[in-house]
Amino acid sequence: MAQVRFYKVTTLPGSLEANAFYYVENSNYAESYLTNSAGVARAVGNSAMINALISEALANWSGAASSVQIVADIAARDALIATLEANAMILVIDASADPTVDAGSALYAYDATAEQTYKVAEYESMDVVLNWADIVDGPSSTPAQLDNAVSLAHSHSNKATLDLIGADGEGMTYNGQGVTTRWATNNW
């Protein structure tokens, strides 16, 4: 049976020890995390208490936010909050800096009166990998070949003049105007 080590900290360390209990005390709240044999943490908590705290905070919240603000990360969320004078809903795309978020995004409610942020929901990240070879009916050229062709295209000195040449239903155009043909009438 594995022994469990106990730690009392103010923030959850970036590198966690396996088979450990972390008591994280910050401001008015305390959080608990228990790590498995691989050092992966899972939040320990009384979900009824947590839900009651969130419900109470949201019940007292005026809900005057008019839209959801979207930011890249927790640092951007905090920077945004410093500018807010009213309640807001904030979606954080990468909320991994929040120790209560396992992975992905999180939605927060900011209460301007209490100057408190409440996590409302978490969303898992979805990484999408697209391989060139998997594109159905895609080009037979490689990306490198396409890049090379584009870099060589229209690199001549009179490109601007040639770009003015076109065609319409009646024939050739230059700068949007029809081109007339001149016949030399001398020496007939």
N, C-alpha and C. Protein backbone atom coordinates (compact mmCIF):
# COMPACT_ATOMS: atom_id res chain seq x y z
N MET A 1 0.85 -1.17 0.00
CA MET A 1 0.00 0.00 0.00
C MET A 1 0.89 1.24 0.00
N ALA A 2 0.55 2.20 -0.83
CA ALA A 2 1.32 3.43 -0.94
C ALA A 2 1.05 4.34 0.23
N GLN A 3 2.09 5.04 0.67
CA GLN A 3 1.93 6.05 1.71
C GLN A 3 1.56 7.36 1.05
N VAL A 4 0.76 8.15 1.75
CA VAL A 4 0.33 9.43 1.23
C VAL A 4 1.04 10.53 2.02
N ARG A 5 1.64 11.48 1.28
CA ARG A 5 2.31 12.62 1.91
C ARG A 5 1.36 13.80 1.86
N PHE A 6 1.38 14.62 2.90
CA PHE A 6 0.49 15.78 3.01
C PHE A 6 1.29 17.07 2.86
N TYR A 7 0.72 18.03 2.10
CA TYR A 7 1.34 19.33 1.89
C TYR A 7 0.32 20.43 2.10
N LYS A 8 0.72 21.49 2.79
CA LYS A 8 -0.10 22.68 2.94
C LYS A 8 0.62 23.79 2.17
N VAL A 9 -0.05 24.31 1.11
CA VAL A 9 0.56 25.30 0.23
C VAL A 9 -0.44 26.42 -0.06
N THR A 10 0.05 27.52 -0.64
CA THR A 10 -0.85 28.62 -1.02
C THR A 10 -1.25 28.53 -2.48
N THR A 11 -0.45 27.85 -3.29
CA THR A 11 -0.80 27.56 -4.69
C THR A 11 -0.36 26.15 -5.01
N LEU A 12 -1.07 25.52 -5.90
CA LEU A 12 -0.74 24.16 -6.30
C LEU A 12 0.56 24.18 -7.10
N PRO A 13 1.58 23.42 -6.71
CA PRO A 13 2.85 23.43 -7.45
C PRO A 13 2.66 22.95 -8.88
N GLY A 14 3.55 23.39 -9.76
CA GLY A 14 3.50 22.97 -11.16
C GLY A 14 3.84 21.50 -11.33
N SER A 15 4.73 21.00 -10.51
CA SER A 15 5.11 19.58 -10.55
C SER A 15 4.63 18.94 -9.26
N LEU A 16 3.79 17.93 -9.38
CA LEU A 16 3.18 17.32 -8.21
C LEU A 16 3.81 15.97 -7.89
N GLU A 17 3.90 15.69 -6.61
CA GLU A 17 4.44 14.41 -6.17
C GLU A 17 3.34 13.35 -6.23
N ALA A 18 3.72 12.13 -6.58
CA ALA A 18 2.75 11.03 -6.63
C ALA A 18 2.27 10.69 -5.23
N ASN A 19 1.06 10.19 -5.14
CA ASN A 19 0.46 9.73 -3.88
C ASN A 19 0.57 10.81 -2.79
N ALA A 20 0.03 11.98 -3.09
CA ALA A 20 0.12 13.10 -2.16
C ALA A 20 -1.23 13.79 -2.03
N PHE A 21 -1.42 14.44 -0.90
CA PHE A 21 -2.60 15.24 -0.64
C PHE A 21 -2.11 16.68 -0.51
N TYR A 22 -2.68 17.58 -1.31
CA TYR A 22 -2.31 18.99 -1.27
C TYR A 22 -3.49 19.80 -0.72
N TYR A 23 -3.23 20.50 0.37
CA TYR A 23 -4.21 21.42 0.93
C TYR A 23 -3.78 22.81 0.48
N VAL A 24 -4.59 23.45 -0.37
CA VAL A 24 -4.24 24.74 -0.95
C VAL A 24 -5.14 25.79 -0.30
N GLU A 25 -4.52 26.68 0.47
CA GLU A 25 -5.28 27.73 1.14
C GLU A 25 -4.96 29.05 0.46
N ASN A 26 -5.99 29.65 -0.16
CA ASN A 26 -5.80 30.94 -0.82
C ASN A 26 -7.00 31.82 -0.54
N SER A 27 -6.76 33.01 -0.11
CA SER A 27 -7.75 34.02 0.27
C SER A 27 -8.78 33.44 1.23
N ASN A 28 -10.05 33.46 0.85
CA ASN A 28 -11.12 33.01 1.75
C ASN A 28 -11.47 31.54 1.60
N TYR A 29 -10.83 30.85 0.66
CA TYR A 29 -11.22 29.48 0.38
C TYR A 29 -10.03 28.55 0.48
N ALA A 30 -10.33 27.29 0.62
CA ALA A 30 -9.30 26.25 0.62
C ALA A 30 -9.73 25.18 -0.38
N GLU A 31 -8.75 24.63 -1.07
CA GLU A 31 -9.02 23.56 -2.04
C GLU A 31 -8.15 22.37 -1.68
N SER A 32 -8.60 21.21 -2.07
CA SER A 32 -7.84 19.99 -1.80
C SER A 32 -7.65 19.22 -3.08
N TYR A 33 -6.47 18.63 -3.22
CA TYR A 33 -6.14 17.82 -4.39
C TYR A 33 -5.45 16.55 -3.91
N LEU A 34 -5.80 15.46 -4.54
CA LEU A 34 -5.20 14.17 -4.23
C LEU A 34 -4.57 13.65 -5.51
N THR A 35 -3.29 13.26 -5.46
CA THR A 35 -2.62 12.76 -6.66
C THR A 35 -2.59 11.24 -6.65
N ASN A 36 -2.59 10.68 -7.85
CA ASN A 36 -2.50 9.22 -7.97
C ASN A 36 -1.03 8.81 -8.05
N SER A 37 -0.77 7.55 -8.35
CA SER A 37 0.60 7.04 -8.38
C SER A 37 1.42 7.66 -9.51
N ALA A 38 0.77 8.28 -10.49
CA ALA A 38 1.48 8.95 -11.59
C ALA A 38 1.66 10.45 -11.31
N GLY A 39 1.16 10.93 -10.18
CA GLY A 39 1.28 12.35 -9.85
C GLY A 39 0.22 13.22 -10.50
N VAL A 40 -0.86 12.62 -10.98
CA VAL A 40 -1.94 13.38 -11.61
C VAL A 40 -2.95 13.75 -10.51
N ALA A 41 -3.26 15.05 -10.42
CA ALA A 41 -4.13 15.55 -9.36
C ALA A 41 -5.60 15.50 -9.76
N ARG A 42 -6.42 15.23 -8.78
CA ARG A 42 -7.87 15.32 -8.92
C ARG A 42 -8.37 16.17 -7.76
N ALA A 43 -9.27 17.08 -8.06
CA ALA A 43 -9.81 17.95 -7.02
C ALA A 43 -10.66 17.14 -6.06
N VAL A 44 -10.51 17.44 -4.78
CA VAL A 44 -11.31 16.82 -3.74
C VAL A 44 -12.18 17.93 -3.17
N GLY A 45 -13.45 17.70 -3.09
CA GLY A 45 -14.29 18.76 -2.56
C GLY A 45 -15.68 18.29 -2.27
N ASN A 46 -16.35 19.09 -1.55
CA ASN A 46 -17.73 18.86 -1.24
C ASN A 46 -18.53 19.58 -2.31
N SER A 47 -18.97 18.86 -3.32
CA SER A 47 -19.63 19.51 -4.45
C SER A 47 -20.91 20.23 -4.02
N ALA A 48 -21.58 19.74 -3.00
CA ALA A 48 -22.79 20.43 -2.51
C ALA A 48 -22.42 21.81 -1.97
N MET A 49 -21.31 21.87 -1.22
CA MET A 49 -20.86 23.14 -0.68
C MET A 49 -20.45 24.09 -1.81
N ILE A 50 -19.68 23.55 -2.76
CA ILE A 50 -19.21 24.37 -3.88
C ILE A 50 -20.40 24.89 -4.69
N ASN A 51 -21.35 24.02 -4.99
CA ASN A 51 -22.54 24.45 -5.74
C ASN A 51 -23.34 25.47 -4.97
N ALA A 52 -23.43 25.32 -3.65
CA ALA A 52 -24.16 26.28 -2.83
C ALA A 52 -23.47 27.65 -2.86
N LEU A 53 -22.13 27.66 -2.80
CA LEU A 53 -21.39 28.93 -2.87
C LEU A 53 -21.61 29.61 -4.21
N ILE A 54 -21.55 28.84 -5.28
CA ILE A 54 -21.75 29.41 -6.62
C ILE A 54 -23.19 29.90 -6.76
N SER A 55 -24.15 29.10 -6.32
CA SER A 55 -25.55 29.50 -6.41
C SER A 55 -25.81 30.78 -5.63
N GLU A 56 -25.24 30.87 -4.43
CA GLU A 56 -25.42 32.07 -3.61
C GLU A 56 -24.80 33.28 -4.30
N ALA A 57 -23.60 33.11 -4.83
CA ALA A 57 -22.93 34.24 -5.50
C ALA A 57 -23.70 34.67 -6.73
N LEU A 58 -24.16 33.72 -7.52
CA LEU A 58 -24.90 34.07 -8.73
C LEU A 58 -26.29 34.62 -8.42
N ALA A 59 -26.90 34.19 -7.30
CA ALA A 59 -28.21 34.71 -6.92
C ALA A 59 -28.11 36.19 -6.54
N ASN A 60 -26.97 36.58 -5.97
CA ASN A 60 -26.77 37.97 -5.57
C ASN A 60 -26.21 38.81 -6.71
N TRP A 61 -25.91 38.18 -7.78
CA TRP A 61 -25.31 38.86 -8.93
C TRP A 61 -26.41 39.50 -9.76
N SER A 62 -26.22 40.73 -10.15
CA SER A 62 -27.28 41.44 -10.87
C SER A 62 -27.47 40.89 -12.28
N GLY A 63 -26.49 40.21 -12.79
CA GLY A 63 -26.63 39.63 -14.13
C GLY A 63 -26.67 40.66 -15.23
N ALA A 64 -26.10 41.82 -14.99
CA ALA A 64 -26.17 42.90 -15.96
C ALA A 64 -25.17 42.77 -17.10
N ALA A 65 -24.50 41.64 -17.20
CA ALA A 65 -23.55 41.46 -18.29
C ALA A 65 -24.30 41.37 -19.60
N SER A 66 -23.85 42.11 -20.61
CA SER A 66 -24.57 42.13 -21.87
C SER A 66 -24.04 41.11 -22.87
N SER A 67 -22.83 40.64 -22.66
CA SER A 67 -22.26 39.68 -23.60
C SER A 67 -21.18 38.88 -22.92
N VAL A 68 -20.67 37.90 -23.63
CA VAL A 68 -19.56 37.11 -23.13
C VAL A 68 -18.28 37.66 -23.73
N GLN A 69 -17.33 38.00 -22.89
CA GLN A 69 -16.01 38.44 -23.34
C GLN A 69 -15.17 37.18 -23.54
N ILE A 70 -14.39 37.11 -24.60
CA ILE A 70 -13.56 35.95 -24.88
C ILE A 70 -12.10 36.39 -24.82
N VAL A 71 -11.31 35.68 -24.00
CA VAL A 71 -9.90 35.99 -23.85
C VAL A 71 -9.07 34.72 -24.02
N ALA A 72 -7.78 34.89 -24.26
CA ALA A 72 -6.91 33.76 -24.57
C ALA A 72 -6.57 32.91 -23.35
N ASP A 73 -6.28 33.54 -22.21
CA ASP A 73 -5.81 32.78 -21.06
C ASP A 73 -6.17 33.50 -19.76
N ILE A 74 -5.74 32.91 -18.64
CA ILE A 74 -6.08 33.46 -17.32
C ILE A 74 -5.46 34.84 -17.13
N ALA A 75 -4.24 35.04 -17.62
CA ALA A 75 -3.60 36.36 -17.50
C ALA A 75 -4.42 37.41 -18.23
N ALA A 76 -4.93 37.07 -19.41
CA ALA A 76 -5.77 38.01 -20.17
C ALA A 76 -7.10 38.24 -19.44
N ARG A 77 -7.63 37.21 -18.80
CA ARG A 77 -8.87 37.37 -18.02
C ARG A 77 -8.65 38.36 -16.89
N ASP A 78 -7.53 38.18 -16.17
CA ASP A 78 -7.24 39.07 -15.05
C ASP A 78 -7.01 40.51 -15.51
N ALA A 79 -6.35 40.66 -16.66
CA ALA A 79 -6.13 42.00 -17.21
C ALA A 79 -7.47 42.64 -17.59
N LEU A 80 -8.37 41.86 -18.16
CA LEU A 80 -9.70 42.36 -18.52
C LEU A 80 -10.47 42.78 -17.27
N ILE A 81 -10.42 41.93 -16.25
CA ILE A 81 -11.16 42.21 -15.01
C ILE A 81 -10.72 43.55 -14.41
N ALA A 82 -9.43 43.85 -14.51
CA ALA A 82 -8.91 45.11 -13.96
C ALA A 82 -9.55 46.33 -14.62
N THR A 83 -10.12 46.15 -15.81
CA THR A 83 -10.74 47.28 -16.54
C THR A 83 -12.26 47.30 -16.39
N LEU A 84 -12.85 46.26 -15.81
CA LEU A 84 -14.31 46.16 -15.75
C LEU A 84 -14.91 46.97 -14.61
N GLU A 85 -16.02 47.59 -14.90
CA GLU A 85 -16.77 48.31 -13.87
C GLU A 85 -18.15 47.69 -13.66
N ALA A 86 -18.46 46.64 -14.42
CA ALA A 86 -19.76 45.98 -14.31
C ALA A 86 -19.55 44.47 -14.39
N ASN A 87 -20.59 43.75 -14.07
CA ASN A 87 -20.55 42.29 -14.13
C ASN A 87 -20.27 41.84 -15.55
N ALA A 88 -19.64 40.67 -15.66
CA ALA A 88 -19.31 40.16 -16.99
C ALA A 88 -19.21 38.65 -16.96
N MET A 89 -19.48 38.08 -18.11
CA MET A 89 -19.21 36.65 -18.33
C MET A 89 -17.95 36.60 -19.19
N ILE A 90 -17.00 35.76 -18.81
CA ILE A 90 -15.71 35.71 -19.50
C ILE A 90 -15.39 34.27 -19.86
N LEU A 91 -15.20 34.02 -21.15
CA LEU A 91 -14.79 32.70 -21.62
C LEU A 91 -13.28 32.73 -21.82
N VAL A 92 -12.57 31.86 -21.11
CA VAL A 92 -11.11 31.77 -21.21
C VAL A 92 -10.79 30.55 -22.06
N ILE A 93 -10.16 30.77 -23.22
CA ILE A 93 -9.87 29.68 -24.15
C ILE A 93 -8.90 28.67 -23.54
N ASP A 94 -7.80 29.13 -22.96
CA ASP A 94 -6.84 28.24 -22.31
C ASP A 94 -6.83 28.58 -20.83
N ALA A 95 -7.62 27.84 -20.06
CA ALA A 95 -7.74 28.11 -18.63
C ALA A 95 -6.84 27.21 -17.80
N SER A 96 -5.81 26.64 -18.40
CA SER A 96 -4.95 25.69 -17.70
C SER A 96 -4.18 26.31 -16.54
N ALA A 97 -4.04 27.63 -16.49
CA ALA A 97 -3.37 28.28 -15.36
C ALA A 97 -4.25 28.31 -14.11
N ASP A 98 -5.53 28.00 -14.25
CA ASP A 98 -6.44 27.90 -13.11
C ASP A 98 -6.31 26.47 -12.57
N PRO A 99 -5.83 26.30 -11.34
CA PRO A 99 -5.62 24.95 -10.81
C PRO A 99 -6.90 24.12 -10.68
N THR A 100 -8.06 24.76 -10.75
CA THR A 100 -9.31 24.01 -10.65
C THR A 100 -9.77 23.49 -12.00
N VAL A 101 -9.05 23.82 -13.08
CA VAL A 101 -9.43 23.40 -14.42
C VAL A 101 -8.50 22.26 -14.85
N ASP A 102 -9.09 21.14 -15.23
CA ASP A 102 -8.29 19.99 -15.66
C ASP A 102 -7.62 20.26 -17.00
N ALA A 103 -8.37 20.67 -17.98
CA ALA A 103 -7.84 20.97 -19.32
C ALA A 103 -8.89 21.72 -20.10
N GLY A 104 -8.44 22.59 -20.98
CA GLY A 104 -9.36 23.25 -21.88
C GLY A 104 -9.78 24.64 -21.44
N SER A 105 -11.02 24.97 -21.77
CA SER A 105 -11.56 26.31 -21.55
C SER A 105 -12.44 26.33 -20.31
N ALA A 106 -12.70 27.54 -19.84
CA ALA A 106 -13.61 27.69 -18.70
C ALA A 106 -14.39 28.99 -18.86
N LEU A 107 -15.62 28.97 -18.37
CA LEU A 107 -16.47 30.15 -18.39
C LEU A 107 -16.55 30.68 -16.96
N TYR A 108 -16.32 31.98 -16.81
CA TYR A 108 -16.33 32.62 -15.50
C TYR A 108 -17.37 33.72 -15.46
N ALA A 109 -17.98 33.88 -14.29
CA ALA A 109 -18.86 35.02 -14.03
C ALA A 109 -18.07 35.96 -13.13
N TYR A 110 -17.96 37.22 -13.53
CA TYR A 110 -17.27 38.22 -12.70
C TYR A 110 -18.30 39.11 -12.05
N ASP A 111 -18.27 39.17 -10.72
CA ASP A 111 -19.17 40.01 -9.94
C ASP A 111 -18.41 41.28 -9.58
N ALA A 112 -18.75 42.38 -10.23
CA ALA A 112 -18.03 43.64 -10.03
C ALA A 112 -18.22 44.20 -8.63
N THR A 113 -19.39 43.97 -8.02
CA THR A 113 -19.64 44.49 -6.68
C THR A 113 -18.74 43.81 -5.66
N ALA A 114 -18.67 42.50 -5.72
CA ALA A 114 -17.84 41.75 -4.77
C ALA A 114 -16.40 41.61 -5.25
N GLU A 115 -16.14 42.01 -6.50
CA GLU A 115 -14.84 41.83 -7.14
C GLU A 115 -14.38 40.38 -7.01
N GLN A 116 -15.29 39.49 -7.36
CA GLN A 116 -15.04 38.04 -7.30
C GLN A 116 -15.29 37.43 -8.67
N THR A 117 -14.54 36.37 -8.96
CA THR A 117 -14.73 35.62 -10.19
C THR A 117 -15.17 34.21 -9.81
N TYR A 118 -16.22 33.73 -10.46
CA TYR A 118 -16.74 32.40 -10.18
C TYR A 118 -16.67 31.55 -11.44
N LYS A 119 -16.05 30.39 -11.32
CA LYS A 119 -16.02 29.48 -12.47
C LYS A 119 -17.40 28.85 -12.59
N VAL A 120 -18.00 28.99 -13.77
CA VAL A 120 -19.34 28.48 -14.00
C VAL A 120 -19.30 27.13 -14.69
N ALA A 121 -18.36 26.95 -15.64
CA ALA A 121 -18.30 25.71 -16.41
C ALA A 121 -16.90 25.52 -16.98
N GLU A 122 -16.59 24.25 -17.30
CA GLU A 122 -15.33 23.90 -17.97
C GLU A 122 -15.65 23.22 -19.28
N TYR A 123 -14.76 23.37 -20.23
CA TYR A 123 -14.94 22.74 -21.54
C TYR A 123 -13.63 22.07 -21.93
N GLU A 124 -13.72 20.82 -22.36
CA GLU A 124 -12.52 20.09 -22.79
C GLU A 124 -11.96 20.68 -24.06
N SER A 125 -10.65 20.63 -24.20
CA SER A 125 -10.00 21.05 -25.44
C SER A 125 -10.22 19.99 -26.50
N MET A 126 -10.26 20.43 -27.73
CA MET A 126 -10.36 19.47 -28.83
C MET A 126 -9.26 19.84 -29.83
N ASP A 127 -8.24 19.01 -29.88
CA ASP A 127 -7.15 19.24 -30.81
C ASP A 127 -7.48 18.54 -32.12
N VAL A 128 -7.36 19.26 -33.20
CA VAL A 128 -7.65 18.70 -34.52
C VAL A 128 -6.36 18.68 -35.32
N VAL A 129 -6.05 17.52 -35.86
CA VAL A 129 -4.86 17.38 -36.70
C VAL A 129 -5.33 17.06 -38.11
N LEU A 130 -4.88 17.86 -39.06
CA LEU A 130 -5.25 17.66 -40.46
C LEU A 130 -3.99 17.30 -41.22
N ASN A 131 -3.99 16.13 -41.82
CA ASN A 131 -2.85 15.69 -42.61
C ASN A 131 -3.13 15.97 -44.08
N TRP A 132 -2.12 16.50 -44.77
CA TRP A 132 -2.22 16.86 -46.18
C TRP A 132 -2.73 15.67 -47.00
N ALA A 133 -2.22 14.49 -46.73
CA ALA A 133 -2.57 13.30 -47.50
C ALA A 133 -4.03 12.88 -47.29
N ASP A 134 -4.66 13.34 -46.20
CA ASP A 134 -6.03 12.94 -45.90
C ASP A 134 -7.08 13.85 -46.52
N ILE A 135 -6.67 14.90 -47.23
CA ILE A 135 -7.63 15.81 -47.85
C ILE A 135 -8.23 15.13 -49.07
N VAL A 136 -9.53 14.90 -49.05
CA VAL A 136 -10.22 14.22 -50.14
C VAL A 136 -10.21 15.11 -51.37
N ASP A 137 -9.84 14.55 -52.51
CA ASP A 137 -9.75 15.27 -53.78
C ASP A 137 -8.83 16.49 -53.69
N GLY A 138 -7.83 16.41 -52.82
CA GLY A 138 -6.87 17.50 -52.66
C GLY A 138 -5.85 17.52 -53.78
N PRO A 139 -5.03 18.53 -53.82
CA PRO A 139 -4.02 18.65 -54.87
C PRO A 139 -2.98 17.53 -54.76
N SER A 140 -2.40 17.17 -55.89
CA SER A 140 -1.38 16.13 -55.88
C SER A 140 -0.01 16.70 -55.53
N SER A 141 0.14 18.01 -55.60
CA SER A 141 1.40 18.65 -55.24
C SER A 141 1.56 18.66 -53.73
N THR A 142 2.80 18.68 -53.29
CA THR A 142 3.07 18.78 -51.86
C THR A 142 2.97 20.25 -51.44
N PRO A 143 2.80 20.50 -50.15
CA PRO A 143 2.79 21.90 -49.70
C PRO A 143 4.06 22.65 -50.10
N ALA A 144 5.21 21.98 -50.06
CA ALA A 144 6.46 22.63 -50.44
C ALA A 144 6.45 23.00 -51.93
N GLN A 145 5.90 22.12 -52.76
CA GLN A 145 5.82 22.42 -54.20
C GLN A 145 4.89 23.61 -54.45
N LEU A 146 3.77 23.67 -53.75
CA LEU A 146 2.85 24.79 -53.89
C LEU A 146 3.49 26.09 -53.42
N ASP A 147 4.18 26.04 -52.29
CA ASP A 147 4.86 27.24 -51.80
C ASP A 147 5.89 27.73 -52.80
N ASN A 148 6.63 26.81 -53.40
CA ASN A 148 7.63 27.18 -54.38
C ASN A 148 6.98 27.80 -55.61
N ALA A 149 5.89 27.21 -56.09
CA ALA A 149 5.21 27.74 -57.28
C ALA A 149 4.69 29.15 -57.02
N VAL A 150 4.13 29.37 -55.84
CA VAL A 150 3.62 30.69 -55.50
C VAL A 150 4.76 31.70 -55.43
N SER A 151 5.89 31.30 -54.87
CA SER A 151 7.01 32.24 -54.75
C SER A 151 7.57 32.61 -56.12
N LEU A 152 7.45 31.71 -57.11
CA LEU A 152 7.97 31.99 -58.45
C LEU A 152 6.96 32.71 -59.34
N ALA A 153 5.69 32.63 -59.00
CA ALA A 153 4.65 33.21 -59.85
C ALA A 153 4.73 34.72 -59.89
N HIS A 154 4.61 35.26 -61.07
CA HIS A 154 4.53 36.71 -61.28
C HIS A 154 5.67 37.48 -60.62
N SER A 155 6.87 36.99 -60.82
CA SER A 155 7.99 37.70 -60.23
C SER A 155 8.72 38.57 -61.26
N HIS A 156 8.14 38.73 -62.47
CA HIS A 156 8.79 39.51 -63.51
C HIS A 156 8.57 41.01 -63.31
N SER A 157 9.39 41.81 -63.98
CA SER A 157 9.38 43.25 -63.74
C SER A 157 8.14 43.95 -64.29
N ASN A 158 7.47 43.40 -65.31
CA ASN A 158 6.30 44.09 -65.89
C ASN A 158 4.98 43.46 -65.42
N LYS A 159 4.97 42.86 -64.24
CA LYS A 159 3.78 42.20 -63.71
C LYS A 159 2.59 43.17 -63.61
N ALA A 160 2.81 44.39 -63.13
CA ALA A 160 1.71 45.35 -62.97
C ALA A 160 1.03 45.65 -64.30
N THR A 161 1.80 45.77 -65.37
CA THR A 161 1.24 46.03 -66.70
C THR A 161 0.48 44.82 -67.21
N LEU A 162 1.07 43.63 -67.05
CA LEU A 162 0.42 42.41 -67.54
C LEU A 162 -0.87 42.11 -66.77
N ASP A 163 -0.92 42.49 -65.50
CA ASP A 163 -2.14 42.26 -64.72
C ASP A 163 -3.32 43.08 -65.22
N LEU A 164 -3.08 44.10 -66.02
CA LEU A 164 -4.16 44.93 -66.57
C LEU A 164 -4.79 44.29 -67.81
N ILE A 165 -4.16 43.25 -68.36
CA ILE A 165 -4.68 42.58 -69.56
C ILE A 165 -5.74 41.57 -69.12
N GLY A 166 -6.86 41.56 -69.81
CA GLY A 166 -7.94 40.63 -69.49
C GLY A 166 -8.76 40.33 -70.71
N ALA A 167 -9.95 39.79 -70.49
CA ALA A 167 -10.85 39.46 -71.60
C ALA A 167 -12.28 39.58 -71.13
N ASP A 168 -13.17 39.88 -72.05
CA ASP A 168 -14.59 39.86 -71.78
C ASP A 168 -15.28 39.13 -72.92
N GLY A 169 -16.58 39.21 -73.01
CA GLY A 169 -17.33 38.50 -74.05
C GLY A 169 -17.02 38.95 -75.46
N GLU A 170 -16.49 40.13 -75.62
CA GLU A 170 -16.21 40.66 -76.96
C GLU A 170 -14.75 40.55 -77.35
N GLY A 171 -13.91 40.13 -76.42
CA GLY A 171 -12.49 39.97 -76.77
C GLY A 171 -11.58 40.49 -75.68
N MET A 172 -10.40 40.89 -76.10
CA MET A 172 -9.34 41.31 -75.19
C MET A 172 -9.64 42.69 -74.60
N THR A 173 -9.21 42.87 -73.30
CA THR A 173 -9.36 44.16 -72.63
C THR A 173 -8.01 44.57 -72.04
N TYR A 174 -7.87 45.87 -71.86
CA TYR A 174 -6.71 46.40 -71.15
C TYR A 174 -7.24 47.46 -70.19
N ASN A 175 -6.97 47.23 -68.91
CA ASN A 175 -7.44 48.13 -67.86
C ASN A 175 -8.97 48.29 -67.92
N GLY A 176 -9.65 47.19 -68.24
CA GLY A 176 -11.11 47.16 -68.26
C GLY A 176 -11.74 47.68 -69.53
N GLN A 177 -10.98 48.20 -70.47
CA GLN A 177 -11.51 48.74 -71.71
C GLN A 177 -11.19 47.79 -72.86
N GLY A 178 -12.12 47.73 -73.82
CA GLY A 178 -11.90 46.90 -75.00
C GLY A 178 -10.69 47.38 -75.80
N VAL A 179 -9.93 46.44 -76.34
CA VAL A 179 -8.74 46.78 -77.13
C VAL A 179 -9.14 46.78 -78.61
N THR A 180 -8.86 47.89 -79.32
CA THR A 180 -9.16 47.96 -80.76
C THR A 180 -7.94 47.52 -81.56
N THR A 181 -8.19 47.09 -82.75
CA THR A 181 -7.10 46.64 -83.62
C THR A 181 -6.85 47.70 -84.68
N ARG A 182 -5.62 48.01 -84.95
CA ARG A 182 -5.26 48.98 -85.97
C ARG A 182 -4.64 48.23 -87.14
N TRP A 183 -5.08 48.57 -88.32
CA TRP A 183 -4.50 47.98 -89.52
C TRP A 183 -3.70 49.03 -90.26
N ALA A 184 -2.55 48.64 -90.63
CA ALA A 184 -1.74 49.56 -91.44
C ALA A 184 -2.30 49.55 -92.85
N THR A 185 -2.70 50.72 -93.36
CA THR A 185 -3.34 50.78 -94.69
C THR A 185 -2.35 51.17 -95.79
N ASN A 186 -1.14 51.48 -95.39
CA ASN A 186 -0.19 51.84 -96.44
C ASN A 186 0.40 50.59 -97.09
N ASN A 187 0.85 50.73 -98.26
CA ASN A 187 1.47 49.64 -99.03
C ASN A 187 0.50 48.50 -99.35
N TRP A 188 -0.76 48.81 -99.61
CA TRP A 188 -1.72 47.77 -100.02
C TRP A 188 -1.68 47.67 -101.48
